[in-house]
Amino acid sequence: MYREAIRIGMVVKSKAGHDSGLLHVIVREEAGFVYIADGKLRKLDNPKKKNPLHLAKTNTVLDITDLTDKKLRTVLRTLSDGTDIAEESD
């Protein structure tokens, strides 16, 4: 079965840490780690470094070129409230 690799703009759900269960978007990849933001606790200009093994991929990918913290919060809130998101199982 083909699995899409984690990539920039992908919405992910944290599986470990104090932010477990929360949705984030990947804003950068570097040296085997990804940097995630949620627009509230972790802003786009100060993302959190996270091990990709501690993230659950979703089927949602955002265009982050014109994304602001406010837009990101709105999108993630909409996704977490609705059924627009499907988590990929490992």
PDB file of N, CA and C in Angstrom:
ATOM      1  N   MET A   1       0.841  -1.172   0.000  1.00  0.00           N
ATOM      2  CA  MET A   1       0.000   0.000   0.000  1.00  0.00           C
ATOM      3  C   MET A   1       0.894   1.245   0.000  1.00  0.00           C
ATOM      4  N   TYR A   2       0.563   2.215  -0.827  1.00  0.00           N
ATOM      5  CA  TYR A   2       1.324   3.444  -0.940  1.00  0.00           C
ATOM      6  C   TYR A   2       0.960   4.391   0.199  1.00  0.00           C
ATOM      7  N   ARG A   3       1.971   4.905   0.869  1.00  0.00           N
ATOM      8  CA  ARG A   3       1.763   5.878   1.948  1.00  0.00           C
ATOM      9  C   ARG A   3       2.434   7.188   1.557  1.00  0.00           C
ATOM     10  N   GLU A   4       1.688   8.259   1.663  1.00  0.00           N
ATOM     11  CA  GLU A   4       2.236   9.569   1.361  1.00  0.00           C
ATOM     12  C   GLU A   4       3.175   9.999   2.489  1.00  0.00           C
ATOM     13  N   ALA A   5       4.327  10.493   2.124  1.00  0.00           N
ATOM     14  CA  ALA A   5       5.294  10.965   3.116  1.00  0.00           C
ATOM     15  C   ALA A   5       4.798  12.267   3.736  1.00  0.00           C
ATOM     16  N   ILE A   6       5.251  12.531   4.933  1.00  0.00           N
ATOM     17  CA  ILE A   6       4.933  13.806   5.573  1.00  0.00           C
ATOM     18  C   ILE A   6       5.577  14.908   4.757  1.00  0.00           C
ATOM     19  N   ARG A   7       4.808  15.971   4.500  1.00  0.00           N
ATOM     20  CA  ARG A   7       5.345  17.066   3.702  1.00  0.00           C
ATOM     21  C   ARG A   7       4.830  18.405   4.215  1.00  0.00           C
ATOM     22  N   ILE A   8       5.429  19.463   3.760  1.00  0.00           N
ATOM     23  CA  ILE A   8       5.065  20.809   4.186  1.00  0.00           C
ATOM     24  C   ILE A   8       3.617  21.101   3.795  1.00  0.00           C
ATOM     25  N   GLY A   9       2.872  21.656   4.731  1.00  0.00           N
ATOM     26  CA  GLY A   9       1.473  21.990   4.504  1.00  0.00           C
ATOM     27  C   GLY A   9       0.500  20.919   4.974  1.00  0.00           C
ATOM     28  N   MET A  10       1.012  19.744   5.309  1.00  0.00           N
ATOM     29  CA  MET A  10       0.146  18.658   5.749  1.00  0.00           C
ATOM     30  C   MET A  10      -0.339  18.918   7.173  1.00  0.00           C
ATOM     31  N   VAL A  11      -1.632  18.686   7.385  1.00  0.00           N
ATOM     32  CA  VAL A  11      -2.198  18.788   8.725  1.00  0.00           C
ATOM     33  C   VAL A  11      -1.927  17.465   9.431  1.00  0.00           C
ATOM     34  N   VAL A  12      -1.400  17.550  10.643  1.00  0.00           N
ATOM     35  CA  VAL A  12      -1.045  16.365  11.420  1.00  0.00           C
ATOM     36  C   VAL A  12      -1.635  16.470  12.814  1.00  0.00           C
ATOM     37  N   LYS A  13      -1.760  15.316  13.468  1.00  0.00           N
ATOM     38  CA  LYS A  13      -2.256  15.256  14.838  1.00  0.00           C
ATOM     39  C   LYS A  13      -1.126  14.736  15.711  1.00  0.00           C
ATOM     40  N   SER A  14      -0.841  15.437  16.779  1.00  0.00           N
ATOM     41  CA  SER A  14       0.239  15.049  17.677  1.00  0.00           C
ATOM     42  C   SER A  14      -0.161  13.817  18.481  1.00  0.00           C
ATOM     43  N   LYS A  15       0.748  12.818  18.525  1.00  0.00           N
ATOM     44  CA  LYS A  15       0.502  11.586  19.264  1.00  0.00           C
ATOM     45  C   LYS A  15       1.249  11.545  20.587  1.00  0.00           C
ATOM     46  N   ALA A  16       2.207  12.441  20.796  1.00  0.00           N
ATOM     47  CA  ALA A  16       3.025  12.411  22.009  1.00  0.00           C
ATOM     48  C   ALA A  16       3.375  13.826  22.446  1.00  0.00           C
ATOM     49  N   GLY A  17       3.588  13.979  23.739  1.00  0.00           N
ATOM     50  CA  GLY A  17       3.977  15.268  24.277  1.00  0.00           C
ATOM     51  C   GLY A  17       2.803  15.998  24.904  1.00  0.00           C
ATOM     52  N   HIS A  18       3.068  17.200  25.406  1.00  0.00           N
ATOM     53  CA  HIS A  18       2.012  17.965  26.064  1.00  0.00           C
ATOM     54  C   HIS A  18       0.934  18.426  25.095  1.00  0.00           C
ATOM     55  N   ASP A  19       1.223  18.398  23.800  1.00  0.00           N
ATOM     56  CA  ASP A  19       0.257  18.814  22.783  1.00  0.00           C
ATOM     57  C   ASP A  19      -0.439  17.625  22.112  1.00  0.00           C
ATOM     58  N   SER A  20      -0.399  16.458  22.734  1.00  0.00           N
ATOM     59  CA  SER A  20      -0.982  15.265  22.107  1.00  0.00           C
ATOM     60  C   SER A  20      -2.481  15.449  21.899  1.00  0.00           C
ATOM     61  N   GLY A  21      -2.939  14.988  20.741  1.00  0.00           N
ATOM     62  CA  GLY A  21      -4.344  15.093  20.377  1.00  0.00           C
ATOM     63  C   GLY A  21      -4.698  16.365  19.633  1.00  0.00           C
ATOM     64  N   LEU A  22      -3.785  17.308  19.537  1.00  0.00           N
ATOM     65  CA  LEU A  22      -4.063  18.580  18.883  1.00  0.00           C
ATOM     66  C   LEU A  22      -3.611  18.558  17.423  1.00  0.00           C
ATOM     67  N   LEU A  23      -4.309  19.328  16.598  1.00  0.00           N
ATOM     68  CA  LEU A  23      -3.959  19.436  15.190  1.00  0.00           C
ATOM     69  C   LEU A  23      -2.941  20.552  14.979  1.00  0.00           C
ATOM     70  N   HIS A  24      -2.015  20.312  14.053  1.00  0.00           N
ATOM     71  CA  HIS A  24      -0.985  21.274  13.673  1.00  0.00           C
ATOM     72  C   HIS A  24      -0.774  21.172  12.174  1.00  0.00           C
ATOM     73  N   VAL A  25      -0.048  22.125  11.623  1.00  0.00           N
ATOM     74  CA  VAL A  25       0.359  22.063  10.218  1.00  0.00           C
ATOM     75  C   VAL A  25       1.882  22.067  10.178  1.00  0.00           C
ATOM     76  N   ILE A  26       2.429  21.300   9.250  1.00  0.00           N
ATOM     77  CA  ILE A  26       3.887  21.249   9.086  1.00  0.00           C
ATOM     78  C   ILE A  26       4.326  22.456   8.264  1.00  0.00           C
ATOM     79  N   VAL A  27       5.245  23.236   8.824  1.00  0.00           N
ATOM     80  CA  VAL A  27       5.719  24.433   8.141  1.00  0.00           C
ATOM     81  C   VAL A  27       7.138  24.312   7.608  1.00  0.00           C
ATOM     82  N   ARG A  28       7.882  23.310   8.101  1.00  0.00           N
ATOM     83  CA  ARG A  28       9.268  23.156   7.651  1.00  0.00           C
ATOM     84  C   ARG A  28       9.756  21.753   7.985  1.00  0.00           C
ATOM     85  N   GLU A  29      10.678  21.241   7.164  1.00  0.00           N
ATOM     86  CA  GLU A  29      11.350  19.972   7.419  1.00  0.00           C
ATOM     87  C   GLU A  29      12.848  20.245   7.468  1.00  0.00           C
ATOM     88  N   GLU A  30      13.526  19.579   8.424  1.00  0.00           N
ATOM     89  CA  GLU A  30      14.953  19.825   8.547  1.00  0.00           C
ATOM     90  C   GLU A  30      15.623  18.708   9.344  1.00  0.00           C
ATOM     91  N   ALA A  31      16.606  18.065   8.764  1.00  0.00           N
ATOM     92  CA  ALA A  31      17.455  17.071   9.433  1.00  0.00           C
ATOM     93  C   ALA A  31      16.666  15.987  10.154  1.00  0.00           C
ATOM     94  N   GLY A  32      15.670  15.437   9.503  1.00  0.00           N
ATOM     95  CA  GLY A  32      14.903  14.344  10.089  1.00  0.00           C
ATOM     96  C   GLY A  32      13.808  14.774  11.044  1.00  0.00           C
ATOM     97  N   PHE A  33      13.653  16.060  11.266  1.00  0.00           N
ATOM     98  CA  PHE A  33      12.608  16.595  12.129  1.00  0.00           C
ATOM     99  C   PHE A  33      11.684  17.481  11.308  1.00  0.00           C
ATOM    100  N   VAL A  34      10.494  17.726  11.832  1.00  0.00           N
ATOM    101  CA  VAL A  34       9.575  18.668  11.209  1.00  0.00           C
ATOM    102  C   VAL A  34       9.274  19.769  12.213  1.00  0.00           C
ATOM    103  N   TYR A  35       8.845  20.907  11.707  1.00  0.00           N
ATOM    104  CA  TYR A  35       8.467  22.034  12.540  1.00  0.00           C
ATOM    105  C   TYR A  35       6.982  22.273  12.325  1.00  0.00           C
ATOM    106  N   ILE A  36       6.225  22.296  13.442  1.00  0.00           N
ATOM    107  CA  ILE A  36       4.775  22.389  13.353  1.00  0.00           C
ATOM    108  C   ILE A  36       4.280  23.658  14.039  1.00  0.00           C
ATOM    109  N   ALA A  37       3.134  24.156  13.573  1.00  0.00           N
ATOM    110  CA  ALA A  37       2.514  25.347  14.149  1.00  0.00           C
ATOM    111  C   ALA A  37       1.010  25.136  14.218  1.00  0.00           C
ATOM    112  N   ASP A  38       0.390  25.808  15.200  1.00  0.00           N
ATOM    113  CA  ASP A  38      -1.061  25.758  15.306  1.00  0.00           C
ATOM    114  C   ASP A  38      -1.691  27.145  15.258  1.00  0.00           C
ATOM    115  N   GLY A  39      -0.870  28.188  15.195  1.00  0.00           N
ATOM    116  CA  GLY A  39      -1.378  29.543  15.093  1.00  0.00           C
ATOM    117  C   GLY A  39      -1.752  30.161  16.434  1.00  0.00           C
ATOM    118  N   LYS A  40      -1.752  29.376  17.501  1.00  0.00           N
ATOM    119  CA  LYS A  40      -2.111  29.895  18.818  1.00  0.00           C
ATOM    120  C   LYS A  40      -0.937  29.777  19.781  1.00  0.00           C
ATOM    121  N   LEU A  41      -0.650  28.563  20.225  1.00  0.00           N
ATOM    122  CA  LEU A  41       0.486  28.365  21.120  1.00  0.00           C
ATOM    123  C   LEU A  41       1.804  28.393  20.357  1.00  0.00           C
ATOM    124  N   ARG A  42       1.793  27.837  19.178  1.00  0.00           N
ATOM    125  CA  ARG A  42       2.975  27.839  18.306  1.00  0.00           C
ATOM    126  C   ARG A  42       2.637  28.593  17.033  1.00  0.00           C
ATOM    127  N   LYS A  43       3.187  29.797  16.926  1.00  0.00           N
ATOM    128  CA  LYS A  43       2.930  30.659  15.776  1.00  0.00           C
ATOM    129  C   LYS A  43       3.745  30.192  14.570  1.00  0.00           C
ATOM    130  N   LEU A  44       3.365  30.662  13.403  1.00  0.00           N
ATOM    131  CA  LEU A  44       4.058  30.287  12.170  1.00  0.00           C
ATOM    132  C   LEU A  44       5.516  30.747  12.168  1.00  0.00           C
ATOM    133  N   ASP A  45       5.807  31.857  12.837  1.00  0.00           N
ATOM    134  CA  ASP A  45       7.185  32.344  12.859  1.00  0.00           C
ATOM    135  C   ASP A  45       8.015  31.743  13.998  1.00  0.00           C
ATOM    136  N   ASN A  46       7.406  30.911  14.849  1.00  0.00           N
ATOM    137  CA  ASN A  46       8.129  30.230  15.925  1.00  0.00           C
ATOM    138  C   ASN A  46       7.580  28.807  16.088  1.00  0.00           C
ATOM    139  N   PRO A  47       7.759  27.959  15.069  1.00  0.00           N
ATOM    140  CA  PRO A  47       7.186  26.609  15.124  1.00  0.00           C
ATOM    141  C   PRO A  47       7.935  25.697  16.093  1.00  0.00           C
ATOM    142  N   LYS A  48       7.277  24.600  16.478  1.00  0.00           N
ATOM    143  CA  LYS A  48       7.846  23.626  17.404  1.00  0.00           C
ATOM    144  C   LYS A  48       8.544  22.511  16.623  1.00  0.00           C
ATOM    145  N   LYS A  49       9.727  22.150  17.056  1.00  0.00           N
ATOM    146  CA  LYS A  49      10.471  21.041  16.462  1.00  0.00           C
ATOM    147  C   LYS A  49       9.871  19.739  16.984  1.00  0.00           C
ATOM    148  N   LYS A  50       9.563  18.802  16.077  1.00  0.00           N
ATOM    149  CA  LYS A  50       8.893  17.568  16.483  1.00  0.00           C
ATOM    150  C   LYS A  50       9.422  16.398  15.670  1.00  0.00           C
ATOM    151  N   ASN A  51       9.520  15.251  16.320  1.00  0.00           N
ATOM    152  CA  ASN A  51       9.889  14.014  15.650  1.00  0.00           C
ATOM    153  C   ASN A  51       8.684  13.541  14.835  1.00  0.00           C
ATOM    154  N   PRO A  52       8.851  13.257  13.550  1.00  0.00           N
ATOM    155  CA  PRO A  52       7.713  12.831  12.723  1.00  0.00           C
ATOM    156  C   PRO A  52       7.055  11.538  13.207  1.00  0.00           C
ATOM    157  N   LEU A  53       7.779  10.709  13.963  1.00  0.00           N
ATOM    158  CA  LEU A  53       7.182   9.484  14.494  1.00  0.00           C
ATOM    159  C   LEU A  53       6.122   9.786  15.547  1.00  0.00           C
ATOM    160  N   HIS A  54       6.124  10.992  16.091  1.00  0.00           N
ATOM    161  CA  HIS A  54       5.165  11.387  17.110  1.00  0.00           C
ATOM    162  C   HIS A  54       3.965  12.100  16.512  1.00  0.00           C
ATOM    163  N   LEU A  55       3.799  12.003  15.189  1.00  0.00           N
ATOM    164  CA  LEU A  55       2.701  12.668  14.502  1.00  0.00           C
ATOM    165  C   LEU A  55       1.878  11.663  13.711  1.00  0.00           C
ATOM    166  N   ALA A  56       0.570  11.864  13.686  1.00  0.00           N
ATOM    167  CA  ALA A  56      -0.325  11.053  12.862  1.00  0.00           C
ATOM    168  C   ALA A  56      -0.712  11.891  11.644  1.00  0.00           C
ATOM    169  N   LYS A  57      -0.456  11.361  10.455  1.00  0.00           N
ATOM    170  CA  LYS A  57      -0.775  12.079   9.227  1.00  0.00           C
ATOM    171  C   LYS A  57      -2.285  12.115   9.024  1.00  0.00           C
ATOM    172  N   THR A  58      -2.737  13.138   8.310  1.00  0.00           N
ATOM    173  CA  THR A  58      -4.137  13.231   7.910  1.00  0.00           C
ATOM    174  C   THR A  58      -4.191  13.346   6.393  1.00  0.00           C
ATOM    175  N   ASN A  59      -5.384  13.357   5.859  1.00  0.00           N
ATOM    176  CA  ASN A  59      -5.564  13.476   4.412  1.00  0.00           C
ATOM    177  C   ASN A  59      -5.643  14.930   3.961  1.00  0.00           C
ATOM    178  N   THR A  60      -5.416  15.872   4.843  1.00  0.00           N
ATOM    179  CA  THR A  60      -5.574  17.286   4.538  1.00  0.00           C
ATOM    180  C   THR A  60      -4.216  17.956   4.354  1.00  0.00           C
ATOM    181  N   VAL A  61      -4.084  18.706   3.264  1.00  0.00           N
ATOM    182  CA  VAL A  61      -2.869  19.468   2.990  1.00  0.00           C
ATOM    183  C   VAL A  61      -3.285  20.907   2.704  1.00  0.00           C
ATOM    184  N   LEU A  62      -2.614  21.858   3.350  1.00  0.00           N
ATOM    185  CA  LEU A  62      -2.911  23.281   3.179  1.00  0.00           C
ATOM    186  C   LEU A  62      -1.819  23.968   2.376  1.00  0.00           C
ATOM    187  N   ASP A  63      -2.210  25.014   1.653  1.00  0.00           N
ATOM    188  CA  ASP A  63      -1.244  25.870   0.979  1.00  0.00           C
ATOM    189  C   ASP A  63      -0.802  26.912   1.997  1.00  0.00           C
ATOM    190  N   ILE A  64       0.446  26.867   2.421  1.00  0.00           N
ATOM    191  CA  ILE A  64       0.893  27.748   3.503  1.00  0.00           C
ATOM    192  C   ILE A  64       1.578  29.016   3.012  1.00  0.00           C
ATOM    193  N   THR A  65       1.531  29.291   1.706  1.00  0.00           N
ATOM    194  CA  THR A  65       2.238  30.466   1.185  1.00  0.00           C
ATOM    195  C   THR A  65       1.653  31.770   1.724  1.00  0.00           C
ATOM    196  N   ASP A  66       0.336  31.915   1.771  1.00  0.00           N
ATOM    197  CA  ASP A  66      -0.293  33.146   2.264  1.00  0.00           C
ATOM    198  C   ASP A  66      -1.007  32.922   3.589  1.00  0.00           C
ATOM    199  N   LEU A  67      -0.592  31.920   4.333  1.00  0.00           N
ATOM    200  CA  LEU A  67      -1.257  31.559   5.579  1.00  0.00           C
ATOM    201  C   LEU A  67      -0.816  32.471   6.718  1.00  0.00           C
ATOM    202  N   THR A  68      -1.789  32.955   7.484  1.00  0.00           N
ATOM    203  CA  THR A  68      -1.507  33.742   8.680  1.00  0.00           C
ATOM    204  C   THR A  68      -1.895  32.909   9.896  1.00  0.00           C
ATOM    205  N   ASP A  69      -1.473  33.354  11.079  1.00  0.00           N
ATOM    206  CA  ASP A  69      -1.815  32.632  12.298  1.00  0.00           C
ATOM    207  C   ASP A  69      -3.329  32.576  12.498  1.00  0.00           C
ATOM    208  N   LYS A  70      -4.006  33.665  12.199  1.00  0.00           N
ATOM    209  CA  LYS A  70      -5.466  33.718  12.366  1.00  0.00           C
ATOM    210  C   LYS A  70      -6.158  32.742  11.414  1.00  0.00           C
ATOM    211  N   LYS A  71      -5.743  32.723  10.145  1.00  0.00           N
ATOM    212  CA  LYS A  71      -6.326  31.787   9.183  1.00  0.00           C
ATOM    213  C   LYS A  71      -6.052  30.339   9.585  1.00  0.00           C
ATOM    214  N   LEU A  72      -4.835  30.096  10.076  1.00  0.00           N
ATOM    215  CA  LEU A  72      -4.470  28.743  10.498  1.00  0.00           C
ATOM    216  C   LEU A  72      -5.340  28.282  11.664  1.00  0.00           C
ATOM    217  N   ARG A  73      -5.541  29.139  12.664  1.00  0.00           N
ATOM    218  CA  ARG A  73      -6.412  28.792  13.798  1.00  0.00           C
ATOM    219  C   ARG A  73      -7.818  28.461  13.327  1.00  0.00           C
ATOM    220  N   THR A  74      -8.338  29.247  12.407  1.00  0.00           N
ATOM    221  CA  THR A  74      -9.689  29.029  11.887  1.00  0.00           C
ATOM    222  C   THR A  74      -9.795  27.695  11.165  1.00  0.00           C
ATOM    223  N   VAL A  75      -8.829  27.398  10.321  1.00  0.00           N
ATOM    224  CA  VAL A  75      -8.853  26.145   9.560  1.00  0.00           C
ATOM    225  C   VAL A  75      -8.740  24.944  10.496  1.00  0.00           C
ATOM    226  N   LEU A  76      -7.814  24.989  11.426  1.00  0.00           N
ATOM    227  CA  LEU A  76      -7.626  23.864  12.339  1.00  0.00           C
ATOM    228  C   LEU A  76      -8.836  23.668  13.256  1.00  0.00           C
ATOM    229  N   ARG A  77      -9.468  24.754  13.674  1.00  0.00           N
ATOM    230  CA  ARG A  77     -10.675  24.642  14.493  1.00  0.00           C
ATOM    231  C   ARG A  77     -11.801  23.995  13.694  1.00  0.00           C
ATOM    232  N   THR A  78     -11.967  24.393  12.444  1.00  0.00           N
ATOM    233  CA  THR A  78     -12.985  23.815  11.580  1.00  0.00           C
ATOM    234  C   THR A  78     -12.741  22.326  11.368  1.00  0.00           C
ATOM    235  N   LEU A  79     -11.494  21.962  11.137  1.00  0.00           N
ATOM    236  CA  LEU A  79     -11.155  20.555  10.924  1.00  0.00           C
ATOM    237  C   LEU A  79     -11.373  19.717  12.180  1.00  0.00           C
ATOM    238  N   SER A  80     -11.032  20.260  13.339  1.00  0.00           N
ATOM    239  CA  SER A  80     -11.175  19.476  14.570  1.00  0.00           C
ATOM    240  C   SER A  80     -12.640  19.354  14.988  1.00  0.00           C
ATOM    241  N   ASP A  81     -13.488  20.305  14.604  1.00  0.00           N
ATOM    242  CA  ASP A  81     -14.910  20.255  14.941  1.00  0.00           C
ATOM    243  C   ASP A  81     -15.705  19.352  14.013  1.00  0.00           C
ATOM    244  N   GLY A  82     -15.262  19.253  12.768  1.00  0.00           N
ATOM    245  CA  GLY A  82     -16.029  18.510  11.775  1.00  0.00           C
ATOM    246  C   GLY A  82     -15.441  17.157  11.473  1.00  0.00           C
ATOM    247  N   THR A  83     -15.976  16.561  10.444  1.00  0.00           N
ATOM    248  CA  THR A  83     -15.503  15.251  10.007  1.00  0.00           C
ATOM    249  C   THR A  83     -14.714  15.367   8.712  1.00  0.00           C
ATOM    250  N   ASP A  84     -14.184  16.572   8.451  1.00  0.00           N
ATOM    251  CA  ASP A  84     -13.416  16.802   7.219  1.00  0.00           C
ATOM    252  C   ASP A  84     -12.054  16.137   7.246  1.00  0.00           C
ATOM    253  N   ILE A  85     -11.693  15.559   8.369  1.00  0.00           N
ATOM    254  CA  ILE A  85     -10.345  15.048   8.524  1.00  0.00           C
ATOM    255  C   ILE A  85     -10.395  13.523   8.735  1.00  0.00           C
ATOM    256  N   ALA A  86      -9.539  12.838   8.060  1.00  0.00           N
ATOM    257  CA  ALA A  86      -9.442  11.384   8.233  1.00  0.00           C
ATOM    258  C   ALA A  86      -7.996  11.064   8.557  1.00  0.00           C
ATOM    259  N   GLU A  87      -7.795  10.427   9.664  1.00  0.00           N
ATOM    260  CA  GLU A  87      -6.454  10.083  10.118  1.00  0.00           C
ATOM    261  C   GLU A  87      -6.010   8.793   9.457  1.00  0.00           C
ATOM    262  N   GLU A  88      -4.778   8.774   8.966  1.00  0.00           N
ATOM    263  CA  GLU A  88      -4.219   7.561   8.372  1.00  0.00           C
ATOM    264  C   GLU A  88      -3.705   6.667   9.470  1.00  0.00           C
ATOM    265  N   SER A  89      -4.045   5.406   9.415  1.00  0.00           N
ATOM    266  CA  SER A  89      -3.550   4.483  10.428  1.00  0.00           C
ATOM    267  C   SER A  89      -2.190   3.950  10.024  1.00  0.00           C
ATOM    268  N   ASP A  90      -1.386   3.633  11.032  1.00  0.00           N
ATOM    269  CA  ASP A  90      -0.023   3.108  10.753  1.00  0.00           C
ATOM    270  C   ASP A  90      -0.049   1.624  10.540  1.00  0.00           C
TER     271      ASP A  90
END
